[in-house]
C-alpha atoms as a PDB file:
ATOM      1  CA  GLN A   1     -15.442 -13.592  -2.938  1.00  0.00           C
ATOM      2  CA  VAL A   2     -11.892 -12.294  -3.011  1.00  0.00           C
ATOM      3  CA  GLN A   3     -11.102  -9.002  -1.390  1.00  0.00           C
ATOM      4  CA  LEU A   4      -8.450  -7.014   0.397  1.00  0.00           C
ATOM      5  CA  VAL A   5      -9.117  -5.610   3.853  1.00  0.00           C
ATOM      6  CA  GLU A   6      -7.119  -2.606   5.012  1.00  0.00           C
ATOM      7  CA  SER A   7      -6.627  -1.369   8.546  1.00  0.00           C
ATOM      8  CA  GLY A   8      -4.451   1.018  10.513  1.00  0.00           C
ATOM      9  CA  GLU A   9      -6.034   4.361   9.785  1.00  0.00           C
ATOM     10  CA  GLY A  10      -5.171   7.217  12.070  1.00  0.00           C
ATOM     11  CA  LEU A  11      -4.182  10.778  12.798  1.00  0.00           C
ATOM     12  CA  VAL A  12      -0.490  11.437  13.390  1.00  0.00           C
ATOM     13  CA  GLN A  13       1.641  14.513  13.891  1.00  0.00           C
ATOM     14  CA  PRO A  14       4.193  15.553  11.293  1.00  0.00           C
ATOM     15  CA  GLY A  15       7.295  13.460  11.717  1.00  0.00           C
ATOM     16  CA  GLY A  16       5.319  10.603  13.214  1.00  0.00           C
ATOM     17  CA  SER A  17       4.870   7.009  12.076  1.00  0.00           C
ATOM     18  CA  LEU A  18       1.960   4.758  11.199  1.00  0.00           C
ATOM     19  CA  ARG A  19       1.616   1.207   9.910  1.00  0.00           C
ATOM     20  CA  LEU A  20      -1.125   0.148   7.523  1.00  0.00           C
ATOM     21  CA  SER A  21      -2.140  -3.464   6.954  1.00  0.00           C
ATOM     22  CA  CYS A  22      -3.653  -5.120   3.906  1.00  0.00           C
ATOM     23  CA  ALA A  23      -5.018  -8.629   4.447  1.00  0.00           C
ATOM     24  CA  ALA A  24      -6.094 -10.922   1.636  1.00  0.00           C
ATOM     25  CA  ASP A  25      -9.506 -12.508   2.211  1.00  0.00           C
ATOM     26  CA  GLY A  26     -10.692 -15.407   0.106  1.00  0.00           C
ATOM     27  CA  PHE A  27      -7.416 -15.997  -1.706  1.00  0.00           C
ATOM     28  CA  ILE A  28      -3.740 -16.628  -1.084  1.00  0.00           C
ATOM     29  CA  LEU A  29      -1.045 -14.102  -1.902  1.00  0.00           C
ATOM     30  CA  ASP A  30       1.198 -16.713  -3.454  1.00  0.00           C
ATOM     31  CA  ALA A  31       2.167 -14.942  -6.657  1.00  0.00           C
ATOM     32  CA  TYR A  32       0.791 -11.435  -6.715  1.00  0.00           C
ATOM     33  CA  GLY A  33       1.953  -7.903  -7.031  1.00  0.00           C
ATOM     34  CA  ILE A  34       0.480  -6.005  -4.093  1.00  0.00           C
ATOM     35  CA  ALA A  35       0.540  -2.247  -4.416  1.00  0.00           C
ATOM     36  CA  TRP A  36      -0.316   0.709  -2.265  1.00  0.00           C
ATOM     37  CA  PHE A  37      -2.017   3.747  -3.722  1.00  0.00           C
ATOM     38  CA  ARG A  38      -3.180   6.948  -2.133  1.00  0.00           C
ATOM     39  CA  GLN A  39      -5.591   9.662  -3.116  1.00  0.00           C
ATOM     40  CA  ALA A  40      -5.849  13.080  -1.536  1.00  0.00           C
ATOM     41  CA  PRO A  41      -8.891  15.317  -2.083  1.00  0.00           C
ATOM     42  CA  GLY A  42      -8.814  16.870  -5.524  1.00  0.00           C
ATOM     43  CA  LYS A  43      -5.822  14.812  -6.650  1.00  0.00           C
ATOM     44  CA  GLU A  44      -5.348  11.765  -8.805  1.00  0.00           C
ATOM     45  CA  ARG A  45      -4.742   8.340  -7.300  1.00  0.00           C
ATOM     46  CA  GLU A  46      -0.999   7.876  -6.888  1.00  0.00           C
ATOM     47  CA  GLY A  47       0.862   4.567  -6.840  1.00  0.00           C
ATOM     48  CA  ILE A  48       3.430   4.723  -4.064  1.00  0.00           C
ATOM     49  CA  SER A  49       4.729   1.189  -3.500  1.00  0.00           C
ATOM     50  CA  CYS A  50       4.533  -2.381  -4.690  1.00  0.00           C
ATOM     51  CA  ILE A  51       5.820  -5.731  -3.466  1.00  0.00           C
ATOM     52  CA  SER A  52       5.938  -9.003  -5.363  1.00  0.00           C
ATOM     53  CA  SER A  53       4.864 -11.775  -3.000  1.00  0.00           C
ATOM     54  CA  ILE A  54       6.804 -14.412  -4.920  1.00  0.00           C
ATOM     55  CA  ASP A  55      10.258 -12.924  -4.342  1.00  0.00           C
ATOM     56  CA  GLY A  56       9.867  -9.766  -2.266  1.00  0.00           C
ATOM     57  CA  THR A  57      10.892  -7.328  -4.999  1.00  0.00           C
ATOM     58  CA  THR A  58       9.784  -3.830  -4.054  1.00  0.00           C
ATOM     59  CA  TYR A  59       9.201  -0.520  -5.806  1.00  0.00           C
ATOM     60  CA  TYR A  60       8.635   2.951  -4.388  1.00  0.00           C
ATOM     61  CA  SER A  61       7.640   6.278  -5.787  1.00  0.00           C
ATOM     62  CA  ASP A  62      10.045   9.154  -5.336  1.00  0.00           C
ATOM     63  CA  SER A  63       7.550  10.830  -3.018  1.00  0.00           C
ATOM     64  CA  VAL A  64       7.872   8.103  -0.353  1.00  0.00           C
ATOM     65  CA  LYS A  65      11.236   6.478  -1.027  1.00  0.00           C
ATOM     66  CA  GLY A  66      13.342   6.362   2.111  1.00  0.00           C
ATOM     67  CA  ARG A  67      10.354   7.032   4.382  1.00  0.00           C
ATOM     68  CA  PHE A  68       7.939   4.173   3.636  1.00  0.00           C
ATOM     69  CA  THR A  69       8.637   0.448   3.689  1.00  0.00           C
ATOM     70  CA  VAL A  70       6.443  -2.311   2.278  1.00  0.00           C
ATOM     71  CA  ALA A  71       6.711  -5.881   3.531  1.00  0.00           C
ATOM     72  CA  THR A  72       4.789  -9.127   3.752  1.00  0.00           C
ATOM     73  CA  ASP A  73       3.892 -10.849   7.006  1.00  0.00           C
ATOM     74  CA  ASN A  74       6.613 -13.386   7.744  1.00  0.00           C
ATOM     75  CA  THR A  75       4.227 -15.880   9.312  1.00  0.00           C
ATOM     76  CA  THR A  76       1.062 -15.977   7.236  1.00  0.00           C
ATOM     77  CA  LYS A  77       2.412 -14.423   4.043  1.00  0.00           C
ATOM     78  CA  ASN A  78      -1.166 -13.237   3.477  1.00  0.00           C
ATOM     79  CA  THR A  79      -0.868  -9.740   4.842  1.00  0.00           C
ATOM     80  CA  VAL A  80       1.120  -6.842   3.481  1.00  0.00           C
ATOM     81  CA  TYR A  81       2.220  -3.916   5.609  1.00  0.00           C
ATOM     82  CA  LEU A  82       3.087  -0.351   4.736  1.00  0.00           C
ATOM     83  CA  GLN A  83       5.284   1.166   7.424  1.00  0.00           C
ATOM     84  CA  MET A  84       5.208   4.938   7.104  1.00  0.00           C
ATOM     85  CA  SER A  85       7.761   7.110   8.881  1.00  0.00           C
ATOM     86  CA  ASN A  86       8.598  10.791   8.976  1.00  0.00           C
ATOM     87  CA  LEU A  87       5.078  11.582   7.824  1.00  0.00           C
ATOM     88  CA  ARG A  88       4.372  14.980   6.294  1.00  0.00           C
ATOM     89  CA  PRO A  89       1.120  16.890   5.874  1.00  0.00           C
ATOM     90  CA  ASP A  90       1.144  16.096   2.160  1.00  0.00           C
ATOM     91  CA  ASP A  91       1.036  12.374   2.981  1.00  0.00           C
ATOM     92  CA  ALA A  92      -2.539  12.804   4.213  1.00  0.00           C
ATOM     93  CA  ALA A  93      -4.854  10.809   1.950  1.00  0.00           C
ATOM     94  CA  VAL A  94      -7.024   7.747   1.654  1.00  0.00           C
ATOM     95  CA  TYR A  95      -4.682   4.792   1.214  1.00  0.00           C
ATOM     96  CA  TYR A  96      -5.671   1.760  -0.828  1.00  0.00           C
ATOM     97  CA  CYS A  97      -4.028  -1.590  -1.396  1.00  0.00           C
ATOM     98  CA  ALA A  98      -4.493  -3.474  -4.630  1.00  0.00           C
ATOM     99  CA  ALA A  99      -3.396  -6.836  -5.979  1.00  0.00           C
ATOM    100  CA  GLU A 100      -2.901  -8.486  -9.331  1.00  0.00           C
ATOM    101  CA  ARG A 101      -1.221 -11.674 -10.493  1.00  0.00           C
ATOM    102  CA  LEU A 102       1.710 -12.372 -10.949  1.00  0.00           C
ATOM    103  CA  ARG A 103       4.099  -9.724  -9.634  1.00  0.00           C
ATOM    104  CA  CYS A 104       4.936  -6.025  -9.702  1.00  0.00           C
ATOM    105  CA  TYR A 105       6.228  -5.025 -13.114  1.00  0.00           C
ATOM    106  CA  PRO A 106       8.720  -2.174 -13.386  1.00  0.00           C
ATOM    107  CA  ASN A 107       6.821  -0.215 -16.042  1.00  0.00           C
ATOM    108  CA  SER A 108       3.277  -0.659 -14.730  1.00  0.00           C
ATOM    109  CA  TRP A 109       3.278  -1.243 -10.959  1.00  0.00           C
ATOM    110  CA  HIS A 110       2.190   2.340 -10.298  1.00  0.00           C
ATOM    111  CA  GLU A 111      -0.784   2.261 -12.679  1.00  0.00           C
ATOM    112  CA  ALA A 112      -4.146   1.684 -11.010  1.00  0.00           C
ATOM    113  CA  GLN A 113      -5.672   0.155 -14.144  1.00  0.00           C
ATOM    114  CA  TYR A 114      -3.302  -2.802 -13.836  1.00  0.00           C
ATOM    115  CA  TYR A 115      -4.920  -4.101 -10.620  1.00  0.00           C
ATOM    116  CA  GLY A 116      -8.126  -6.081 -10.377  1.00  0.00           C
ATOM    117  CA  ILE A 117      -8.510  -6.537  -6.626  1.00  0.00           C
ATOM    118  CA  TRP A 118      -8.832  -3.497  -4.365  1.00  0.00           C
ATOM    119  CA  GLY A 119      -9.344  -2.735  -0.725  1.00  0.00           C
ATOM    120  CA  GLN A 120     -11.895  -0.298   0.598  1.00  0.00           C
ATOM    121  CA  GLY A 121      -9.382   2.379   1.585  1.00  0.00           C
ATOM    122  CA  THR A 122      -8.201   3.663   4.925  1.00  0.00           C
ATOM    123  CA  GLN A 123      -7.769   7.288   5.999  1.00  0.00           C
ATOM    124  CA  VAL A 124      -4.444   8.756   7.045  1.00  0.00           C
ATOM    125  CA  ALA A 125      -4.385  12.279   8.463  1.00  0.00           C
ATOM    126  CA  VAL A 126      -1.194  14.190   9.275  1.00  0.00           C
ATOM    127  CA  SER A 127      -1.621  17.306  11.344  1.00  0.00           C
ATOM    128  CA  SER A 128      -0.246  19.028  14.395  1.00  0.00           C
END
């Protein structure tokens, strides 16, 4: 069974930082687009970042650009991280990672329907 396992949930103060992890279980992230989505209560799921494992190409939504960074683990190549900095209250949400072969595509990376493998979600709260 292939799955993604997320970790790193937490409560941080505004302006703080948090790193989420997304580990592939049962498959190898050799040529995949791995995206991060988030969903706040009452809002639609939002695609915020994507990284192509084959060449490291990245995409970010305007809402997180300059504050969040996505990267793959340099050693195992089978974990993807989302480093979040300068967090704001409106960043609070359940964060999901998702994967699909072969890479992130510029016109569709942010669309949830494109991805077939999903993690279970991890909660991020931002509050003083």
